[in-house]
């Protein structure tokens, strides 16, 4: 899940905090991220995998999802917390990712880190990351997630790039909503503008 901000200026000050965790079990794997703004606003996302993943891969998927969201929000200063010693030390360059799969994950992580001006990756104990750990396990049954948690399904590993071709970019029913949410553009007719604003309150840009 990602939310496009109205402008990048609001995100240029203060340190954001990102907690990530992944969980892998025989029946299903998942990940979770909790992103908190300097003002205390929190975004919680639980991700269910449609593929088999090890615990380390699940931890990396959680980190990558969090970095993607930070990039979308144009965050300038980010502290990242994970209870995975492997992920933290590989990301900080203290360990070398010898496993070819983890090496691909690490390369992708570094590419996203390069897009954020200031980052710090810290290891915390599992007790300090208990909320993210719980959410990462709840994705095995999405009905257990409350309304304050965004739920996503990831059908393939992030390291498997997929080329997507845009088939049709012509205006459609979504165009007025997108123009309003991204650019604050409204119809000249006052009545249509009011109706659009009311309906747009139900949407956000992903």
N, C-alpha and C. Protein backbone atom coordinates (compact mmCIF):
# COMPACT_ATOMS: atom_id res chain seq x y z
N UNK A 1 0.85 -1.17 0.00
CA UNK A 1 0.00 0.00 0.00
C UNK A 1 0.89 1.22 0.00
N UNK A 2 0.49 2.18 -0.80
CA UNK A 2 1.23 3.43 -0.79
C UNK A 2 0.26 4.58 -0.92
N UNK A 3 0.64 5.72 -0.32
CA UNK A 3 -0.20 6.89 -0.36
C UNK A 3 0.59 8.03 -0.95
N UNK A 4 0.06 8.66 -1.96
CA UNK A 4 0.74 9.77 -2.59
C UNK A 4 0.41 11.06 -1.86
N UNK A 5 1.40 11.78 -1.33
CA UNK A 5 1.13 13.01 -0.59
C UNK A 5 0.76 14.14 -1.54
N UNK A 6 0.15 15.19 -1.00
CA UNK A 6 -0.21 16.34 -1.82
C UNK A 6 1.03 17.11 -2.23
N UNK A 7 2.01 17.15 -1.38
CA UNK A 7 3.26 17.82 -1.72
C UNK A 7 4.36 17.18 -0.92
N UNK A 8 5.60 17.40 -1.35
CA UNK A 8 6.74 16.78 -0.68
C UNK A 8 7.27 17.63 0.45
N UNK A 9 6.81 18.90 0.57
CA UNK A 9 7.38 19.80 1.55
C UNK A 9 7.12 19.35 2.97
N UNK A 10 5.93 18.73 3.20
CA UNK A 10 5.59 18.31 4.55
C UNK A 10 6.48 17.19 5.05
N UNK A 11 7.16 16.48 4.15
CA UNK A 11 7.94 15.32 4.56
C UNK A 11 9.44 15.63 4.64
N UNK A 12 9.81 16.91 4.46
CA UNK A 12 11.21 17.25 4.42
C UNK A 12 11.80 17.49 5.79
N UNK A 13 10.98 17.56 6.82
CA UNK A 13 11.49 17.81 8.16
C UNK A 13 11.05 16.68 9.09
N UNK A 14 11.92 16.40 10.06
CA UNK A 14 11.59 15.36 11.03
C UNK A 14 11.98 13.97 10.56
N UNK A 15 12.15 13.10 11.52
CA UNK A 15 12.56 11.73 11.23
C UNK A 15 11.37 10.79 11.30
N UNK A 16 11.18 10.03 10.25
CA UNK A 16 10.15 9.00 10.22
C UNK A 16 10.74 7.71 10.76
N UNK A 17 9.91 6.85 11.34
CA UNK A 17 10.35 5.56 11.88
C UNK A 17 9.64 4.43 11.14
N UNK A 18 10.42 3.45 10.70
CA UNK A 18 9.87 2.31 9.98
C UNK A 18 10.26 1.03 10.69
N UNK A 19 9.27 0.25 11.13
CA UNK A 19 9.52 -1.07 11.72
C UNK A 19 9.04 -2.13 10.73
N UNK A 20 9.90 -3.12 10.48
CA UNK A 20 9.56 -4.16 9.51
C UNK A 20 9.79 -5.54 10.12
N UNK A 21 9.02 -6.50 9.63
CA UNK A 21 9.21 -7.88 10.09
C UNK A 21 8.60 -8.83 9.06
N UNK A 22 9.19 -10.01 8.96
CA UNK A 22 8.68 -11.04 8.06
C UNK A 22 8.52 -12.34 8.80
N UNK A 23 7.61 -13.18 8.33
CA UNK A 23 7.34 -14.46 8.98
C UNK A 23 7.14 -15.52 7.92
N UNK A 24 7.78 -16.67 8.10
CA UNK A 24 7.64 -17.77 7.14
C UNK A 24 7.26 -19.04 7.88
N UNK A 25 6.15 -19.65 7.44
CA UNK A 25 5.70 -20.92 7.99
C UNK A 25 5.37 -21.86 6.84
N UNK A 26 5.17 -23.09 7.16
CA UNK A 26 4.92 -24.09 6.12
C UNK A 26 3.70 -23.75 5.28
N UNK A 27 2.63 -23.27 5.94
CA UNK A 27 1.39 -23.04 5.22
C UNK A 27 1.37 -21.70 4.49
N UNK A 28 2.05 -20.70 5.04
CA UNK A 28 2.00 -19.39 4.41
C UNK A 28 3.08 -18.47 4.97
N UNK A 29 3.49 -17.51 4.13
CA UNK A 29 4.49 -16.53 4.55
C UNK A 29 3.92 -15.13 4.41
N UNK A 30 4.46 -14.21 5.20
CA UNK A 30 3.97 -12.84 5.12
C UNK A 30 4.95 -11.85 5.71
N UNK A 31 4.59 -10.59 5.62
CA UNK A 31 5.45 -9.52 6.12
C UNK A 31 4.58 -8.38 6.62
N UNK A 32 5.19 -7.48 7.36
CA UNK A 32 4.47 -6.34 7.90
C UNK A 32 5.39 -5.15 8.00
N UNK A 33 4.83 -3.98 7.83
CA UNK A 33 5.58 -2.75 8.07
C UNK A 33 4.72 -1.78 8.84
N UNK A 34 5.34 -1.03 9.71
CA UNK A 34 4.67 0.02 10.47
C UNK A 34 5.49 1.29 10.28
N UNK A 35 4.91 2.27 9.60
CA UNK A 35 5.59 3.53 9.31
C UNK A 35 4.95 4.63 10.14
N UNK A 36 5.79 5.37 10.88
CA UNK A 36 5.29 6.41 11.77
C UNK A 36 5.92 7.75 11.42
N UNK A 37 5.08 8.76 11.26
CA UNK A 37 5.56 10.09 10.91
C UNK A 37 6.09 10.81 12.15
N UNK A 38 6.82 11.92 11.97
CA UNK A 38 7.31 12.67 13.14
C UNK A 38 6.16 13.17 14.02
N UNK A 39 4.97 13.36 13.42
CA UNK A 39 3.82 13.84 14.19
C UNK A 39 3.04 12.72 14.86
N UNK A 40 3.41 11.46 14.56
CA UNK A 40 2.75 10.34 15.20
C UNK A 40 1.73 9.62 14.35
N UNK A 41 1.49 10.09 13.11
CA UNK A 41 0.58 9.39 12.21
C UNK A 41 1.19 8.07 11.80
N UNK A 42 0.41 6.98 11.84
CA UNK A 42 0.94 5.64 11.60
C UNK A 42 0.23 4.96 10.43
N UNK A 43 1.04 4.33 9.58
CA UNK A 43 0.52 3.49 8.49
C UNK A 43 0.96 2.06 8.79
N UNK A 44 0.00 1.14 8.85
CA UNK A 44 0.29 -0.27 9.09
C UNK A 44 -0.12 -1.09 7.88
N UNK A 45 0.79 -1.90 7.39
CA UNK A 45 0.50 -2.73 6.22
C UNK A 45 0.92 -4.16 6.48
N UNK A 46 0.02 -5.09 6.21
CA UNK A 46 0.32 -6.52 6.30
C UNK A 46 0.31 -7.10 4.89
N UNK A 47 1.31 -7.90 4.56
CA UNK A 47 1.48 -8.42 3.21
C UNK A 47 1.49 -9.94 3.23
N UNK A 48 0.64 -10.53 2.43
CA UNK A 48 0.59 -11.98 2.29
C UNK A 48 1.31 -12.37 1.00
N UNK A 49 2.14 -13.41 1.05
CA UNK A 49 2.89 -13.85 -0.12
C UNK A 49 2.15 -14.96 -0.85
N UNK A 50 2.12 -14.86 -2.16
CA UNK A 50 1.58 -15.93 -2.98
C UNK A 50 2.67 -16.85 -3.49
N UNK A 51 3.77 -16.91 -2.78
CA UNK A 51 4.91 -17.74 -3.15
C UNK A 51 5.61 -18.21 -1.89
N UNK A 52 6.45 -19.20 -2.04
CA UNK A 52 7.20 -19.73 -0.89
C UNK A 52 8.41 -18.85 -0.60
N UNK A 53 8.61 -18.52 0.66
CA UNK A 53 9.74 -17.67 1.06
C UNK A 53 10.33 -18.18 2.36
N UNK A 54 11.65 -18.03 2.49
CA UNK A 54 12.31 -18.34 3.74
C UNK A 54 12.09 -17.17 4.70
N UNK A 55 12.48 -17.37 5.95
CA UNK A 55 12.35 -16.29 6.92
C UNK A 55 13.16 -15.06 6.50
N UNK A 56 14.37 -15.30 5.99
CA UNK A 56 15.24 -14.18 5.59
C UNK A 56 14.64 -13.44 4.40
N UNK A 57 14.08 -14.18 3.45
CA UNK A 57 13.46 -13.54 2.30
C UNK A 57 12.24 -12.74 2.74
N UNK A 58 11.47 -13.28 3.68
CA UNK A 58 10.30 -12.57 4.19
C UNK A 58 10.71 -11.27 4.88
N UNK A 59 11.82 -11.32 5.61
CA UNK A 59 12.33 -10.11 6.26
C UNK A 59 12.72 -9.06 5.22
N UNK A 60 13.35 -9.51 4.15
CA UNK A 60 13.74 -8.58 3.08
C UNK A 60 12.52 -8.01 2.37
N UNK A 61 11.51 -8.83 2.14
CA UNK A 61 10.31 -8.34 1.48
C UNK A 61 9.65 -7.23 2.32
N UNK A 62 9.66 -7.41 3.63
CA UNK A 62 9.10 -6.39 4.52
C UNK A 62 9.88 -5.09 4.40
N UNK A 63 11.20 -5.19 4.38
CA UNK A 63 12.05 -4.00 4.27
C UNK A 63 11.83 -3.30 2.94
N UNK A 64 11.78 -4.06 1.86
CA UNK A 64 11.59 -3.47 0.53
C UNK A 64 10.24 -2.78 0.43
N UNK A 65 9.20 -3.40 0.97
CA UNK A 65 7.87 -2.79 0.96
C UNK A 65 7.88 -1.46 1.72
N UNK A 66 8.57 -1.43 2.84
CA UNK A 66 8.67 -0.20 3.61
C UNK A 66 9.43 0.89 2.88
N UNK A 67 10.51 0.50 2.20
CA UNK A 67 11.30 1.48 1.45
C UNK A 67 10.52 2.01 0.25
N UNK A 68 9.73 1.15 -0.38
CA UNK A 68 8.89 1.61 -1.50
C UNK A 68 7.90 2.67 -1.02
N UNK A 69 7.29 2.41 0.14
CA UNK A 69 6.33 3.37 0.68
C UNK A 69 7.03 4.68 1.04
N UNK A 70 8.22 4.59 1.64
CA UNK A 70 8.97 5.80 1.98
C UNK A 70 9.32 6.60 0.74
N UNK A 71 9.66 5.92 -0.32
CA UNK A 71 9.98 6.60 -1.58
C UNK A 71 8.74 7.30 -2.13
N UNK A 72 7.59 6.61 -2.09
CA UNK A 72 6.35 7.21 -2.59
C UNK A 72 5.98 8.46 -1.80
N UNK A 73 6.21 8.42 -0.50
CA UNK A 73 5.90 9.56 0.36
C UNK A 73 6.98 10.64 0.33
N UNK A 74 8.05 10.39 -0.40
CA UNK A 74 9.17 11.33 -0.53
C UNK A 74 9.79 11.68 0.83
N UNK A 75 9.91 10.68 1.67
CA UNK A 75 10.49 10.87 3.00
C UNK A 75 11.99 11.16 2.86
N UNK A 76 12.45 12.13 3.62
CA UNK A 76 13.84 12.57 3.52
C UNK A 76 14.74 12.00 4.62
N UNK A 77 14.15 11.65 5.73
CA UNK A 77 14.92 11.18 6.89
C UNK A 77 14.18 9.99 7.48
N UNK A 78 14.82 8.81 7.46
CA UNK A 78 14.13 7.58 7.86
C UNK A 78 15.01 6.71 8.73
N UNK A 79 14.47 6.31 9.88
CA UNK A 79 15.12 5.32 10.73
C UNK A 79 14.38 4.00 10.57
N UNK A 80 15.14 2.95 10.25
CA UNK A 80 14.54 1.65 9.97
C UNK A 80 14.92 0.68 11.08
N UNK A 81 13.92 -0.03 11.60
CA UNK A 81 14.14 -0.97 12.69
C UNK A 81 13.73 -2.37 12.25
N UNK A 82 14.62 -3.34 12.48
CA UNK A 82 14.34 -4.74 12.16
C UNK A 82 14.96 -5.61 13.23
N UNK A 83 14.31 -6.75 13.53
CA UNK A 83 14.90 -7.67 14.51
C UNK A 83 15.72 -8.76 13.83
N UNK A 84 15.93 -8.64 12.50
CA UNK A 84 16.73 -9.61 11.76
C UNK A 84 18.19 -9.17 11.71
N UNK A 85 19.05 -9.89 12.42
CA UNK A 85 20.46 -9.55 12.43
C UNK A 85 21.07 -9.63 11.04
N UNK A 86 20.69 -10.65 10.28
CA UNK A 86 21.23 -10.84 8.93
C UNK A 86 20.90 -9.65 8.04
N UNK A 87 19.63 -9.28 8.01
CA UNK A 87 19.19 -8.18 7.15
C UNK A 87 19.87 -6.87 7.54
N UNK A 88 19.93 -6.58 8.83
CA UNK A 88 20.52 -5.32 9.29
C UNK A 88 22.01 -5.27 8.97
N UNK A 89 22.72 -6.33 9.27
CA UNK A 89 24.18 -6.31 9.06
C UNK A 89 24.53 -6.36 7.58
N UNK A 90 23.76 -7.08 6.78
CA UNK A 90 24.02 -7.08 5.34
C UNK A 90 23.72 -5.70 4.74
N UNK A 91 22.67 -5.08 5.21
CA UNK A 91 22.32 -3.75 4.71
C UNK A 91 23.35 -2.71 5.11
N UNK A 92 23.91 -2.85 6.29
CA UNK A 92 24.93 -1.90 6.76
C UNK A 92 26.33 -2.24 6.28
N UNK A 93 26.46 -3.33 5.51
CA UNK A 93 27.75 -3.69 4.95
C UNK A 93 28.67 -4.46 5.86
N UNK A 94 28.16 -4.91 7.01
CA UNK A 94 29.00 -5.67 7.94
C UNK A 94 29.05 -7.15 7.57
N UNK A 95 27.99 -7.63 6.93
CA UNK A 95 27.97 -8.99 6.40
C UNK A 95 27.85 -8.91 4.89
N UNK A 96 28.40 -9.90 4.20
CA UNK A 96 28.26 -10.00 2.76
C UNK A 96 27.20 -11.05 2.45
N UNK A 97 26.29 -10.70 1.57
CA UNK A 97 25.24 -11.64 1.18
C UNK A 97 25.81 -12.63 0.18
N UNK A 98 26.21 -13.81 0.66
CA UNK A 98 26.81 -14.83 -0.22
C UNK A 98 25.74 -15.63 -0.95
N UNK A 99 24.58 -15.80 -0.32
CA UNK A 99 23.49 -16.50 -0.98
C UNK A 99 23.03 -15.67 -2.19
N UNK A 100 22.96 -16.26 -3.38
CA UNK A 100 22.60 -15.48 -4.58
C UNK A 100 21.24 -14.82 -4.51
N UNK A 101 20.28 -15.48 -3.86
CA UNK A 101 18.94 -14.89 -3.74
C UNK A 101 18.98 -13.69 -2.81
N UNK A 102 19.65 -13.84 -1.66
CA UNK A 102 19.74 -12.73 -0.72
C UNK A 102 20.57 -11.59 -1.30
N UNK A 103 21.54 -11.93 -2.14
CA UNK A 103 22.35 -10.89 -2.79
C UNK A 103 21.48 -10.02 -3.69
N UNK A 104 20.51 -10.64 -4.37
CA UNK A 104 19.59 -9.87 -5.22
C UNK A 104 18.70 -8.97 -4.35
N UNK A 105 18.24 -9.51 -3.24
CA UNK A 105 17.43 -8.70 -2.32
C UNK A 105 18.24 -7.51 -1.81
N UNK A 106 19.48 -7.78 -1.43
CA UNK A 106 20.31 -6.71 -0.88
C UNK A 106 20.59 -5.62 -1.92
N UNK A 107 20.80 -6.02 -3.17
CA UNK A 107 21.02 -5.04 -4.24
C UNK A 107 19.78 -4.16 -4.43
N UNK A 108 18.60 -4.77 -4.33
CA UNK A 108 17.36 -4.01 -4.47
C UNK A 108 17.16 -3.06 -3.29
N UNK A 109 17.50 -3.53 -2.10
CA UNK A 109 17.42 -2.68 -0.91
C UNK A 109 18.31 -1.45 -1.06
N UNK A 110 19.54 -1.67 -1.51
CA UNK A 110 20.48 -0.56 -1.66
C UNK A 110 20.01 0.45 -2.69
N UNK A 111 19.35 -0.04 -3.75
CA UNK A 111 18.85 0.88 -4.77
C UNK A 111 17.75 1.78 -4.21
N UNK A 112 16.93 1.25 -3.31
CA UNK A 112 15.89 2.08 -2.69
C UNK A 112 16.48 3.01 -1.64
N UNK A 113 17.45 2.53 -0.87
CA UNK A 113 18.09 3.38 0.14
C UNK A 113 18.75 4.60 -0.50
N UNK A 114 19.28 4.41 -1.70
CA UNK A 114 19.95 5.50 -2.40
C UNK A 114 19.00 6.63 -2.77
N UNK A 115 17.70 6.35 -2.78
CA UNK A 115 16.70 7.35 -3.16
C UNK A 115 16.23 8.18 -1.96
N UNK A 116 16.63 7.78 -0.77
CA UNK A 116 16.24 8.50 0.45
C UNK A 116 17.48 9.20 1.00
N UNK A 117 17.47 10.53 1.11
CA UNK A 117 18.67 11.28 1.49
C UNK A 117 19.34 10.82 2.78
N UNK A 118 18.55 10.53 3.81
CA UNK A 118 19.13 10.16 5.11
C UNK A 118 18.43 8.93 5.66
N UNK A 119 19.20 7.87 5.87
CA UNK A 119 18.64 6.64 6.42
C UNK A 119 19.57 6.06 7.49
N UNK A 120 18.98 5.31 8.38
CA UNK A 120 19.73 4.59 9.41
C UNK A 120 19.01 3.27 9.66
N UNK A 121 19.75 2.16 9.58
CA UNK A 121 19.16 0.84 9.75
C UNK A 121 19.66 0.27 11.08
N UNK A 122 18.72 -0.02 11.97
CA UNK A 122 19.07 -0.44 13.32
C UNK A 122 18.43 -1.78 13.66
N UNK A 123 19.16 -2.58 14.43
CA UNK A 123 18.61 -3.85 14.89
C UNK A 123 17.98 -3.67 16.27
N UNK A 124 16.80 -4.23 16.44
CA UNK A 124 16.13 -4.20 17.74
C UNK A 124 15.78 -5.63 18.12
N UNK A 125 15.51 -5.83 19.39
CA UNK A 125 15.14 -7.17 19.84
C UNK A 125 13.70 -7.47 19.44
N UNK A 126 13.33 -8.73 19.40
CA UNK A 126 12.01 -9.13 18.96
C UNK A 126 10.92 -8.53 19.84
N UNK A 127 11.21 -8.35 21.14
CA UNK A 127 10.22 -7.77 22.03
C UNK A 127 9.86 -6.34 21.63
N UNK A 128 10.88 -5.59 21.16
CA UNK A 128 10.64 -4.21 20.72
C UNK A 128 9.91 -4.16 19.39
N UNK A 129 9.91 -5.27 18.67
CA UNK A 129 9.27 -5.34 17.36
C UNK A 129 8.05 -6.24 17.40
N UNK A 130 7.45 -6.38 18.58
CA UNK A 130 6.38 -7.37 18.78
C UNK A 130 5.15 -7.06 17.94
N UNK A 131 4.83 -5.78 17.78
CA UNK A 131 3.62 -5.43 17.03
C UNK A 131 3.76 -5.81 15.56
N UNK A 132 4.92 -5.48 14.98
CA UNK A 132 5.16 -5.85 13.58
C UNK A 132 5.22 -7.36 13.43
N UNK A 133 5.81 -8.03 14.41
CA UNK A 133 5.91 -9.48 14.36
C UNK A 133 4.52 -10.12 14.38
N UNK A 134 3.64 -9.59 15.21
CA UNK A 134 2.28 -10.12 15.29
C UNK A 134 1.52 -9.90 13.99
N UNK A 135 1.66 -8.72 13.42
CA UNK A 135 0.97 -8.42 12.17
C UNK A 135 1.47 -9.28 11.02
N UNK A 136 2.77 -9.55 10.99
CA UNK A 136 3.32 -10.37 9.91
C UNK A 136 2.78 -11.79 9.96
N UNK A 137 2.39 -12.26 11.15
CA UNK A 137 1.83 -13.61 11.29
C UNK A 137 0.32 -13.62 11.06
N UNK A 138 -0.34 -12.49 11.27
CA UNK A 138 -1.77 -12.42 11.09
C UNK A 138 -2.19 -12.53 9.63
N UNK A 139 -1.25 -12.30 8.70
CA UNK A 139 -1.62 -12.36 7.28
C UNK A 139 -2.02 -13.77 6.87
N UNK A 140 -1.75 -14.75 7.71
CA UNK A 140 -2.21 -16.11 7.40
C UNK A 140 -3.72 -16.18 7.41
N UNK A 141 -4.35 -15.21 8.06
CA UNK A 141 -5.81 -15.12 8.06
C UNK A 141 -6.18 -13.65 8.05
N UNK A 142 -6.42 -13.11 6.86
CA UNK A 142 -6.67 -11.68 6.71
C UNK A 142 -7.89 -11.21 7.48
N UNK A 143 -8.80 -12.10 7.83
CA UNK A 143 -9.98 -11.71 8.59
C UNK A 143 -9.62 -11.29 10.01
N UNK A 144 -8.41 -11.66 10.46
CA UNK A 144 -7.98 -11.26 11.79
C UNK A 144 -7.47 -9.82 11.83
N UNK A 145 -7.26 -9.22 10.65
CA UNK A 145 -6.71 -7.87 10.59
C UNK A 145 -7.82 -6.86 10.84
N UNK A 146 -7.53 -5.83 11.66
CA UNK A 146 -8.56 -4.83 11.92
C UNK A 146 -8.57 -3.78 10.81
N UNK A 147 -9.52 -2.85 10.90
CA UNK A 147 -9.74 -1.89 9.83
C UNK A 147 -8.61 -0.87 9.71
N UNK A 148 -7.72 -0.82 10.67
CA UNK A 148 -6.64 0.15 10.64
C UNK A 148 -5.38 -0.42 9.97
N UNK A 149 -5.46 -1.64 9.48
CA UNK A 149 -4.32 -2.28 8.83
C UNK A 149 -4.63 -2.49 7.35
N UNK A 150 -3.75 -1.98 6.50
CA UNK A 150 -3.90 -2.22 5.07
C UNK A 150 -3.38 -3.61 4.74
N UNK A 151 -4.13 -4.33 3.94
CA UNK A 151 -3.75 -5.70 3.59
C UNK A 151 -3.39 -5.77 2.10
N UNK A 152 -2.25 -6.39 1.80
CA UNK A 152 -1.81 -6.55 0.42
C UNK A 152 -1.45 -8.00 0.16
N UNK A 153 -1.50 -8.38 -1.11
CA UNK A 153 -1.03 -9.70 -1.53
C UNK A 153 0.08 -9.52 -2.55
N UNK A 154 1.21 -10.16 -2.31
CA UNK A 154 2.35 -10.10 -3.21
C UNK A 154 2.46 -11.45 -3.91
N UNK A 155 2.23 -11.46 -5.21
CA UNK A 155 2.15 -12.72 -5.94
C UNK A 155 3.51 -13.29 -6.34
N UNK A 156 4.52 -12.46 -6.41
CA UNK A 156 5.86 -12.94 -6.78
C UNK A 156 6.92 -12.15 -6.02
N UNK A 157 8.10 -12.71 -5.83
CA UNK A 157 9.15 -12.00 -5.09
C UNK A 157 9.49 -10.66 -5.74
N UNK A 158 9.86 -9.70 -4.93
CA UNK A 158 10.20 -8.37 -5.43
C UNK A 158 11.40 -8.38 -6.35
N UNK A 159 12.28 -9.37 -6.19
CA UNK A 159 13.49 -9.42 -7.01
C UNK A 159 13.21 -9.94 -8.41
N UNK A 160 12.00 -10.45 -8.63
CA UNK A 160 11.63 -10.91 -9.96
C UNK A 160 10.93 -9.77 -10.68
N UNK A 161 11.69 -9.05 -11.47
CA UNK A 161 11.13 -7.89 -12.16
C UNK A 161 10.15 -8.34 -13.22
N UNK A 162 9.12 -7.54 -13.40
CA UNK A 162 8.10 -7.84 -14.39
C UNK A 162 7.87 -6.59 -15.23
N UNK A 163 8.02 -6.72 -16.53
CA UNK A 163 7.78 -5.58 -17.41
C UNK A 163 6.28 -5.41 -17.60
N UNK A 164 5.80 -4.21 -17.35
CA UNK A 164 4.38 -3.92 -17.49
C UNK A 164 4.20 -2.89 -18.58
N UNK A 165 3.36 -3.21 -19.58
CA UNK A 165 3.11 -2.29 -20.67
C UNK A 165 1.78 -1.60 -20.45
N UNK A 166 1.76 -0.29 -20.65
CA UNK A 166 0.54 0.47 -20.49
C UNK A 166 -0.30 0.27 -21.75
N UNK A 167 -1.48 -0.29 -21.59
CA UNK A 167 -2.32 -0.63 -22.73
C UNK A 167 -3.18 0.56 -23.16
N UNK A 168 -3.77 1.24 -22.19
CA UNK A 168 -4.67 2.33 -22.54
C UNK A 168 -4.55 3.43 -21.51
N UNK A 169 -4.13 4.60 -21.92
CA UNK A 169 -3.97 5.72 -21.00
C UNK A 169 -5.01 6.80 -21.25
N UNK A 170 -6.04 6.49 -22.02
CA UNK A 170 -7.06 7.48 -22.32
C UNK A 170 -7.89 7.77 -21.07
N UNK A 171 -8.53 8.95 -21.00
CA UNK A 171 -9.34 9.30 -19.81
C UNK A 171 -10.45 8.29 -19.55
N UNK A 172 -10.73 8.02 -18.28
CA UNK A 172 -11.81 7.13 -17.90
C UNK A 172 -12.47 7.67 -16.64
N UNK A 173 -13.33 6.88 -16.00
CA UNK A 173 -14.07 7.36 -14.84
C UNK A 173 -13.18 7.76 -13.67
N UNK A 174 -11.94 7.21 -13.64
CA UNK A 174 -11.03 7.51 -12.55
C UNK A 174 -10.30 8.84 -12.74
N UNK A 175 -10.24 9.32 -13.98
CA UNK A 175 -9.43 10.50 -14.30
C UNK A 175 -9.79 11.72 -13.44
N UNK A 176 -11.07 12.09 -13.29
CA UNK A 176 -11.39 13.26 -12.45
C UNK A 176 -10.94 13.09 -11.00
N UNK A 177 -11.06 11.86 -10.48
CA UNK A 177 -10.64 11.62 -9.09
C UNK A 177 -9.12 11.76 -8.95
N UNK A 178 -8.39 11.18 -9.90
CA UNK A 178 -6.93 11.27 -9.87
C UNK A 178 -6.47 12.71 -9.99
N UNK A 179 -7.10 13.46 -10.91
CA UNK A 179 -6.72 14.87 -11.10
C UNK A 179 -6.97 15.69 -9.84
N UNK A 180 -8.07 15.34 -9.12
CA UNK A 180 -8.35 16.08 -7.90
C UNK A 180 -7.40 15.69 -6.77
N UNK A 181 -7.19 14.39 -6.59
CA UNK A 181 -6.35 13.92 -5.49
C UNK A 181 -4.89 14.30 -5.68
N UNK A 182 -4.41 14.31 -6.92
CA UNK A 182 -3.00 14.62 -7.17
C UNK A 182 -2.74 16.09 -7.42
N UNK A 183 -3.68 16.75 -8.13
CA UNK A 183 -3.43 18.13 -8.56
C UNK A 183 -4.44 19.13 -8.00
N UNK A 184 -5.44 18.62 -7.29
CA UNK A 184 -6.52 19.46 -6.75
C UNK A 184 -7.29 20.17 -7.87
N UNK A 185 -7.41 19.53 -9.02
CA UNK A 185 -8.18 20.07 -10.13
C UNK A 185 -9.65 19.71 -9.94
N UNK A 186 -10.53 20.69 -10.15
CA UNK A 186 -11.96 20.49 -10.01
C UNK A 186 -12.71 21.02 -11.23
N UNK A 187 -13.88 20.47 -11.53
CA UNK A 187 -14.69 21.00 -12.63
C UNK A 187 -15.08 22.45 -12.35
N UNK A 188 -15.29 23.22 -13.39
CA UNK A 188 -15.69 24.62 -13.21
C UNK A 188 -17.08 24.73 -12.63
N UNK A 189 -17.95 23.80 -12.97
CA UNK A 189 -19.30 23.81 -12.42
C UNK A 189 -19.24 23.54 -10.91
N UNK A 190 -19.79 24.45 -10.12
CA UNK A 190 -19.69 24.35 -8.67
C UNK A 190 -20.34 23.09 -8.12
N UNK A 191 -21.50 22.74 -8.69
CA UNK A 191 -22.19 21.54 -8.21
C UNK A 191 -21.41 20.28 -8.48
N UNK A 192 -20.86 20.16 -9.69
CA UNK A 192 -20.06 18.99 -10.04
C UNK A 192 -18.80 18.93 -9.18
N UNK A 193 -18.23 20.10 -8.89
CA UNK A 193 -17.02 20.15 -8.06
C UNK A 193 -17.31 19.63 -6.66
N UNK A 194 -18.45 20.06 -6.08
CA UNK A 194 -18.80 19.61 -4.74
C UNK A 194 -19.06 18.10 -4.70
N UNK A 195 -19.75 17.59 -5.72
CA UNK A 195 -20.02 16.15 -5.77
C UNK A 195 -18.74 15.34 -5.93
N UNK A 196 -17.81 15.87 -6.74
CA UNK A 196 -16.54 15.18 -6.94
C UNK A 196 -15.74 15.14 -5.64
N UNK A 197 -15.71 16.25 -4.92
CA UNK A 197 -14.97 16.29 -3.66
C UNK A 197 -15.55 15.31 -2.65
N UNK A 198 -16.87 15.21 -2.63
CA UNK A 198 -17.52 14.29 -1.68
C UNK A 198 -17.18 12.84 -2.01
N UNK A 199 -17.24 12.49 -3.29
CA UNK A 199 -16.94 11.12 -3.69
C UNK A 199 -15.46 10.81 -3.55
N UNK A 200 -14.61 11.81 -3.81
CA UNK A 200 -13.15 11.59 -3.74
C UNK A 200 -12.67 11.27 -2.34
N UNK A 201 -13.48 11.62 -1.34
CA UNK A 201 -13.09 11.35 0.05
C UNK A 201 -12.99 9.85 0.32
N UNK A 202 -13.58 9.04 -0.55
CA UNK A 202 -13.55 7.58 -0.37
C UNK A 202 -12.33 6.94 -1.02
N UNK A 203 -11.50 7.73 -1.71
CA UNK A 203 -10.38 7.16 -2.46
C UNK A 203 -9.05 7.74 -2.01
N UNK A 204 -7.98 7.01 -2.30
CA UNK A 204 -6.63 7.53 -2.19
C UNK A 204 -5.82 6.96 -3.33
N UNK A 205 -4.71 7.61 -3.66
CA UNK A 205 -3.91 7.22 -4.82
C UNK A 205 -2.88 6.18 -4.42
N UNK A 206 -2.82 5.10 -5.17
CA UNK A 206 -1.82 4.05 -4.95
C UNK A 206 -0.87 4.06 -6.13
